[in-house]
Amino acid sequence: MPQFDPESIQVMRSALEEVMRRVPSGHSTSTVKVYLAECILKTAAEGPISYKEPVASAANQIHVAISLFP
């Protein structure tokens, strides 16, 4: 499992907060949040990230999360 420095962890947290604001309120569950957090972690594991990459990768999965966890 990759190790993340404090700056990367903060970027990932901020990205998750941003993406969760985009999830429709009726679908904003802890299960959806975990799924989107996993998307962000997978992106971060690929190498150095900026704020943009994890937000984009998780935002692109919102519709999948909603369909998997109605």
PDB file of N, CA and C in Angstrom:
ATOM      1  N   MET A   1       0.838  -1.171   0.000  1.00  0.00           N
ATOM      2  CA  MET A   1       0.000   0.000   0.000  1.00  0.00           C
ATOM      3  C   MET A   1       0.890   1.244   0.000  1.00  0.00           C
ATOM      4  N   PRO A   2       0.568   2.213  -0.848  1.00  0.00           N
ATOM      5  CA  PRO A   2       1.405   3.414  -0.916  1.00  0.00           C
ATOM      6  C   PRO A   2       1.303   4.250   0.361  1.00  0.00           C
ATOM      7  N   GLN A   3       2.374   4.949   0.622  1.00  0.00           N
ATOM      8  CA  GLN A   3       2.408   5.896   1.738  1.00  0.00           C
ATOM      9  C   GLN A   3       2.196   7.294   1.170  1.00  0.00           C
ATOM     10  N   PHE A   4       1.370   8.092   1.827  1.00  0.00           N
ATOM     11  CA  PHE A   4       1.090   9.442   1.361  1.00  0.00           C
ATOM     12  C   PHE A   4       1.588  10.450   2.381  1.00  0.00           C
ATOM     13  N   ASP A   5       2.193  11.519   1.876  1.00  0.00           N
ATOM     14  CA  ASP A   5       2.663  12.576   2.770  1.00  0.00           C
ATOM     15  C   ASP A   5       1.463  13.427   3.196  1.00  0.00           C
ATOM     16  N   PRO A   6       1.632  14.209   4.251  1.00  0.00           N
ATOM     17  CA  PRO A   6       0.509  15.015   4.761  1.00  0.00           C
ATOM     18  C   PRO A   6      -0.112  15.948   3.714  1.00  0.00           C
ATOM     19  N   GLU A   7       0.698  16.500   2.839  1.00  0.00           N
ATOM     20  CA  GLU A   7       0.163  17.385   1.801  1.00  0.00           C
ATOM     21  C   GLU A   7      -0.761  16.623   0.843  1.00  0.00           C
ATOM     22  N   SER A   8      -0.347  15.430   0.446  1.00  0.00           N
ATOM     23  CA  SER A   8      -1.180  14.616  -0.450  1.00  0.00           C
ATOM     24  C   SER A   8      -2.484  14.209   0.231  1.00  0.00           C
ATOM     25  N   ILE A   9      -2.407  13.894   1.507  1.00  0.00           N
ATOM     26  CA  ILE A   9      -3.607  13.521   2.258  1.00  0.00           C
ATOM     27  C   ILE A   9      -4.580  14.698   2.300  1.00  0.00           C
ATOM     28  N   GLN A  10      -4.061  15.893   2.509  1.00  0.00           N
ATOM     29  CA  GLN A  10      -4.929  17.075   2.528  1.00  0.00           C
ATOM     30  C   GLN A  10      -5.558  17.313   1.164  1.00  0.00           C
ATOM     31  N   VAL A  11      -4.796  17.110   0.099  1.00  0.00           N
ATOM     32  CA  VAL A  11      -5.341  17.252  -1.251  1.00  0.00           C
ATOM     33  C   VAL A  11      -6.472  16.252  -1.455  1.00  0.00           C
ATOM     34  N   MET A  12      -6.266  15.017  -1.028  1.00  0.00           N
ATOM     35  CA  MET A  12      -7.297  13.986  -1.190  1.00  0.00           C
ATOM     36  C   MET A  12      -8.543  14.313  -0.370  1.00  0.00           C
ATOM     37  N   ARG A  13      -8.365  14.781   0.846  1.00  0.00           N
ATOM     38  CA  ARG A  13      -9.522  15.163   1.681  1.00  0.00           C
ATOM     39  C   ARG A  13     -10.319  16.289   1.027  1.00  0.00           C
ATOM     40  N   SER A  14      -9.605  17.287   0.565  1.00  0.00           N
ATOM     41  CA  SER A  14     -10.275  18.424  -0.082  1.00  0.00           C
ATOM     42  C   SER A  14     -10.998  17.979  -1.351  1.00  0.00           C
ATOM     43  N   ALA A  15     -10.368  17.099  -2.093  1.00  0.00           N
ATOM     44  CA  ALA A  15     -10.986  16.585  -3.318  1.00  0.00           C
ATOM     45  C   ALA A  15     -12.266  15.825  -2.986  1.00  0.00           C
ATOM     46  N   LEU A  16     -12.231  15.010  -1.951  1.00  0.00           N
ATOM     47  CA  LEU A  16     -13.428  14.251  -1.564  1.00  0.00           C
ATOM     48  C   LEU A  16     -14.542  15.194  -1.123  1.00  0.00           C
ATOM     49  N   GLU A  17     -14.221  16.210  -0.366  1.00  0.00           N
ATOM     50  CA  GLU A  17     -15.233  17.193   0.043  1.00  0.00           C
ATOM     51  C   GLU A  17     -15.867  17.862  -1.167  1.00  0.00           C
ATOM     52  N   GLU A  18     -15.031  18.239  -2.135  1.00  0.00           N
ATOM     53  CA  GLU A  18     -15.532  18.876  -3.361  1.00  0.00           C
ATOM     54  C   GLU A  18     -16.453  17.935  -4.125  1.00  0.00           C
ATOM     55  N   VAL A  19     -16.046  16.704  -4.297  1.00  0.00           N
ATOM     56  CA  VAL A  19     -16.848  15.742  -5.058  1.00  0.00           C
ATOM     57  C   VAL A  19     -18.156  15.439  -4.340  1.00  0.00           C
ATOM     58  N   MET A  20     -18.117  15.330  -3.028  1.00  0.00           N
ATOM     59  CA  MET A  20     -19.342  15.039  -2.288  1.00  0.00           C
ATOM     60  C   MET A  20     -20.347  16.189  -2.405  1.00  0.00           C
ATOM     61  N   ARG A  21     -19.889  17.404  -2.591  1.00  0.00           N
ATOM     62  CA  ARG A  21     -20.815  18.524  -2.820  1.00  0.00           C
ATOM     63  C   ARG A  21     -21.529  18.382  -4.165  1.00  0.00           C
ATOM     64  N   ARG A  22     -20.967  17.605  -5.061  1.00  0.00           N
ATOM     65  CA  ARG A  22     -21.566  17.399  -6.386  1.00  0.00           C
ATOM     66  C   ARG A  22     -22.555  16.240  -6.406  1.00  0.00           C
ATOM     67  N   VAL A  23     -22.527  15.404  -5.386  1.00  0.00           N
ATOM     68  CA  VAL A  23     -23.432  14.255  -5.321  1.00  0.00           C
ATOM     69  C   VAL A  23     -24.829  14.766  -4.938  1.00  0.00           C
ATOM     70  N   PRO A  24     -25.853  14.348  -5.680  1.00  0.00           N
ATOM     71  CA  PRO A  24     -27.210  14.770  -5.309  1.00  0.00           C
ATOM     72  C   PRO A  24     -27.512  14.399  -3.856  1.00  0.00           C
ATOM     73  N   SER A  25     -28.182  15.298  -3.146  1.00  0.00           N
ATOM     74  CA  SER A  25     -28.388  15.123  -1.705  1.00  0.00           C
ATOM     75  C   SER A  25     -29.044  13.794  -1.336  1.00  0.00           C
ATOM     76  N   GLY A  26     -29.933  13.302  -2.136  1.00  0.00           N
ATOM     77  CA  GLY A  26     -30.590  12.031  -1.837  1.00  0.00           C
ATOM     78  C   GLY A  26     -29.666  10.831  -1.938  1.00  0.00           C
ATOM     79  N   HIS A  27     -28.503  11.018  -2.528  1.00  0.00           N
ATOM     80  CA  HIS A  27     -27.551   9.926  -2.723  1.00  0.00           C
ATOM     81  C   HIS A  27     -26.267  10.128  -1.930  1.00  0.00           C
ATOM     82  N   SER A  28     -26.221  11.166  -1.137  1.00  0.00           N
ATOM     83  CA  SER A  28     -25.009  11.492  -0.383  1.00  0.00           C
ATOM     84  C   SER A  28     -24.933  10.633   0.886  1.00  0.00           C
ATOM     85  N   THR A  29     -24.566   9.377   0.691  1.00  0.00           N
ATOM     86  CA  THR A  29     -24.492   8.422   1.797  1.00  0.00           C
ATOM     87  C   THR A  29     -23.040   8.093   2.109  1.00  0.00           C
ATOM     88  N   SER A  30     -22.823   7.457   3.231  1.00  0.00           N
ATOM     89  CA  SER A  30     -21.460   7.060   3.585  1.00  0.00           C
ATOM     90  C   SER A  30     -20.917   6.028   2.603  1.00  0.00           C
ATOM     91  N   THR A  31     -21.774   5.185   2.064  1.00  0.00           N
ATOM     92  CA  THR A  31     -21.333   4.177   1.097  1.00  0.00           C
ATOM     93  C   THR A  31     -20.833   4.838  -0.185  1.00  0.00           C
ATOM     94  N   VAL A  32     -21.548   5.827  -0.653  1.00  0.00           N
ATOM     95  CA  VAL A  32     -21.123   6.566  -1.849  1.00  0.00           C
ATOM     96  C   VAL A  32     -19.816   7.296  -1.555  1.00  0.00           C
ATOM     97  N   LYS A  33     -19.714   7.869  -0.376  1.00  0.00           N
ATOM     98  CA  LYS A  33     -18.500   8.589   0.001  1.00  0.00           C
ATOM     99  C   LYS A  33     -17.295   7.657   0.020  1.00  0.00           C
ATOM    100  N   VAL A  34     -17.460   6.466   0.570  1.00  0.00           N
ATOM    101  CA  VAL A  34     -16.366   5.485   0.597  1.00  0.00           C
ATOM    102  C   VAL A  34     -15.973   5.095  -0.822  1.00  0.00           C
ATOM    103  N   TYR A  35     -16.953   4.864  -1.671  1.00  0.00           N
ATOM    104  CA  TYR A  35     -16.673   4.491  -3.061  1.00  0.00           C
ATOM    105  C   TYR A  35     -15.869   5.587  -3.764  1.00  0.00           C
ATOM    106  N   LEU A  36     -16.284   6.831  -3.585  1.00  0.00           N
ATOM    107  CA  LEU A  36     -15.589   7.945  -4.239  1.00  0.00           C
ATOM    108  C   LEU A  36     -14.210   8.171  -3.622  1.00  0.00           C
ATOM    109  N   ALA A  37     -14.081   7.948  -2.331  1.00  0.00           N
ATOM    110  CA  ALA A  37     -12.770   8.048  -1.681  1.00  0.00           C
ATOM    111  C   ALA A  37     -11.819   7.005  -2.253  1.00  0.00           C
ATOM    112  N   GLU A  38     -12.335   5.822  -2.528  1.00  0.00           N
ATOM    113  CA  GLU A  38     -11.507   4.780  -3.140  1.00  0.00           C
ATOM    114  C   GLU A  38     -11.031   5.202  -4.526  1.00  0.00           C
ATOM    115  N   CYS A  39     -11.888   5.856  -5.287  1.00  0.00           N
ATOM    116  CA  CYS A  39     -11.479   6.378  -6.606  1.00  0.00           C
ATOM    117  C   CYS A  39     -10.335   7.367  -6.453  1.00  0.00           C
ATOM    118  N   ILE A  40     -10.440   8.214  -5.457  1.00  0.00           N
ATOM    119  CA  ILE A  40      -9.398   9.210  -5.212  1.00  0.00           C
ATOM    120  C   ILE A  40      -8.099   8.531  -4.791  1.00  0.00           C
ATOM    121  N   LEU A  41      -8.187   7.548  -3.926  1.00  0.00           N
ATOM    122  CA  LEU A  41      -6.986   6.822  -3.489  1.00  0.00           C
ATOM    123  C   LEU A  41      -6.301   6.116  -4.659  1.00  0.00           C
ATOM    124  N   LYS A  42      -7.079   5.524  -5.527  1.00  0.00           N
ATOM    125  CA  LYS A  42      -6.500   4.846  -6.690  1.00  0.00           C
ATOM    126  C   LYS A  42      -5.762   5.834  -7.591  1.00  0.00           C
ATOM    127  N   THR A  43      -6.339   6.999  -7.766  1.00  0.00           N
ATOM    128  CA  THR A  43      -5.677   8.028  -8.566  1.00  0.00           C
ATOM    129  C   THR A  43      -4.380   8.467  -7.903  1.00  0.00           C
ATOM    130  N   ALA A  44      -4.434   8.688  -6.606  1.00  0.00           N
ATOM    131  CA  ALA A  44      -3.247   9.135  -5.867  1.00  0.00           C
ATOM    132  C   ALA A  44      -2.154   8.078  -5.864  1.00  0.00           C
ATOM    133  N   ALA A  45      -2.530   6.821  -5.885  1.00  0.00           N
ATOM    134  CA  ALA A  45      -1.543   5.741  -5.872  1.00  0.00           C
ATOM    135  C   ALA A  45      -0.742   5.668  -7.169  1.00  0.00           C
ATOM    136  N   GLU A  46      -1.255   6.290  -8.225  1.00  0.00           N
ATOM    137  CA  GLU A  46      -0.558   6.267  -9.513  1.00  0.00           C
ATOM    138  C   GLU A  46       0.640   7.213  -9.552  1.00  0.00           C
ATOM    139  N   GLY A  47       0.719   8.115  -8.605  1.00  0.00           N
ATOM    140  CA  GLY A  47       1.850   9.038  -8.580  1.00  0.00           C
ATOM    141  C   GLY A  47       1.448  10.391  -8.048  1.00  0.00           C
ATOM    142  N   PRO A  48       2.362  11.329  -8.112  1.00  0.00           N
ATOM    143  CA  PRO A  48       2.081  12.666  -7.598  1.00  0.00           C
ATOM    144  C   PRO A  48       0.813  13.250  -8.230  1.00  0.00           C
ATOM    145  N   ILE A  49       0.020  13.918  -7.401  1.00  0.00           N
ATOM    146  CA  ILE A  49      -1.249  14.459  -7.877  1.00  0.00           C
ATOM    147  C   ILE A  49      -1.369  15.931  -7.516  1.00  0.00           C
ATOM    148  N   SER A  50      -2.191  16.603  -8.275  1.00  0.00           N
ATOM    149  CA  SER A  50      -2.622  17.949  -7.909  1.00  0.00           C
ATOM    150  C   SER A  50      -4.089  17.804  -7.497  1.00  0.00           C
ATOM    151  N   TYR A  51      -4.719  18.868  -7.161  1.00  0.00           N
ATOM    152  CA  TYR A  51      -6.120  18.835  -6.737  1.00  0.00           C
ATOM    153  C   TYR A  51      -7.032  18.376  -7.875  1.00  0.00           C
ATOM    154  N   LYS A  52      -6.686  18.749  -9.076  1.00  0.00           N
ATOM    155  CA  LYS A  52      -7.521  18.510 -10.259  1.00  0.00           C
ATOM    156  C   LYS A  52      -7.746  17.020 -10.561  1.00  0.00           C
ATOM    157  N   GLU A  53      -6.702  16.222 -10.510  1.00  0.00           N
ATOM    158  CA  GLU A  53      -6.817  14.810 -10.904  1.00  0.00           C
ATOM    159  C   GLU A  53      -7.775  14.005 -10.023  1.00  0.00           C
ATOM    160  N   PRO A  54      -7.642  14.046  -8.709  1.00  0.00           N
ATOM    161  CA  PRO A  54      -8.569  13.241  -7.897  1.00  0.00           C
ATOM    162  C   PRO A  54     -10.007  13.743  -7.979  1.00  0.00           C
ATOM    163  N   VAL A  55     -10.194  15.049  -8.109  1.00  0.00           N
ATOM    164  CA  VAL A  55     -11.561  15.571  -8.256  1.00  0.00           C
ATOM    165  C   VAL A  55     -12.168  15.029  -9.546  1.00  0.00           C
ATOM    166  N   ALA A  56     -11.426  15.100 -10.624  1.00  0.00           N
ATOM    167  CA  ALA A  56     -11.943  14.627 -11.916  1.00  0.00           C
ATOM    168  C   ALA A  56     -12.223  13.130 -11.898  1.00  0.00           C
ATOM    169  N   SER A  57     -11.304  12.350 -11.340  1.00  0.00           N
ATOM    170  CA  SER A  57     -11.508  10.895 -11.354  1.00  0.00           C
ATOM    171  C   SER A  57     -12.725  10.498 -10.531  1.00  0.00           C
ATOM    172  N   ALA A  58     -12.910  11.108  -9.375  1.00  0.00           N
ATOM    173  CA  ALA A  58     -14.066  10.762  -8.540  1.00  0.00           C
ATOM    174  C   ALA A  58     -15.355  11.334  -9.116  1.00  0.00           C
ATOM    175  N   ALA A  59     -15.307  12.556  -9.625  1.00  0.00           N
ATOM    176  CA  ALA A  59     -16.510  13.165 -10.199  1.00  0.00           C
ATOM    177  C   ALA A  59     -17.029  12.338 -11.375  1.00  0.00           C
ATOM    178  N   ASN A  60     -16.115  11.764 -12.131  1.00  0.00           N
ATOM    179  CA  ASN A  60     -16.518  10.915 -13.259  1.00  0.00           C
ATOM    180  C   ASN A  60     -17.180   9.622 -12.800  1.00  0.00           C
ATOM    181  N   GLN A  61     -17.066   9.299 -11.533  1.00  0.00           N
ATOM    182  CA  GLN A  61     -17.647   8.061 -11.008  1.00  0.00           C
ATOM    183  C   GLN A  61     -18.914   8.284 -10.185  1.00  0.00           C
ATOM    184  N   ILE A  62     -19.361   9.522 -10.073  1.00  0.00           N
ATOM    185  CA  ILE A  62     -20.567   9.790  -9.286  1.00  0.00           C
ATOM    186  C   ILE A  62     -21.753   8.992  -9.820  1.00  0.00           C
ATOM    187  N   HIS A  63     -21.965   9.010 -11.128  1.00  0.00           N
ATOM    188  CA  HIS A  63     -23.101   8.274 -11.695  1.00  0.00           C
ATOM    189  C   HIS A  63     -22.996   6.773 -11.429  1.00  0.00           C
ATOM    190  N   VAL A  64     -21.789   6.242 -11.438  1.00  0.00           N
ATOM    191  CA  VAL A  64     -21.595   4.813 -11.139  1.00  0.00           C
ATOM    192  C   VAL A  64     -21.950   4.549  -9.675  1.00  0.00           C
ATOM    193  N   ALA A  65     -21.450   5.388  -8.783  1.00  0.00           N
ATOM    194  CA  ALA A  65     -21.738   5.210  -7.362  1.00  0.00           C
ATOM    195  C   ALA A  65     -23.224   5.267  -7.084  1.00  0.00           C
ATOM    196  N   ILE A  66     -23.895   6.208  -7.713  1.00  0.00           N
ATOM    197  CA  ILE A  66     -25.348   6.335  -7.517  1.00  0.00           C
ATOM    198  C   ILE A  66     -26.081   5.109  -8.016  1.00  0.00           C
ATOM    199  N   SER A  67     -25.636   4.553  -9.135  1.00  0.00           N
ATOM    200  CA  SER A  67     -26.314   3.362  -9.672  1.00  0.00           C
ATOM    201  C   SER A  67     -26.003   2.110  -8.848  1.00  0.00           C
ATOM    202  N   LEU A  68     -24.801   2.046  -8.271  1.00  0.00           N
ATOM    203  CA  LEU A  68     -24.449   0.877  -7.458  1.00  0.00           C
ATOM    204  C   LEU A  68     -25.071   0.916  -6.081  1.00  0.00           C
ATOM    205  N   PHE A  69     -25.220   2.113  -5.538  1.00  0.00           N
ATOM    206  CA  PHE A  69     -25.704   2.275  -4.155  1.00  0.00           C
ATOM    207  C   PHE A  69     -26.881   3.244  -4.118  1.00  0.00           C
ATOM    208  N   PRO A  70     -28.024   2.830  -4.638  1.00  0.00           N
ATOM    209  CA  PRO A  70     -29.186   3.735  -4.717  1.00  0.00           C
ATOM    210  C   PRO A  70     -29.716   4.173  -3.357  1.00  0.00           C
TER     211      PRO A  70
END
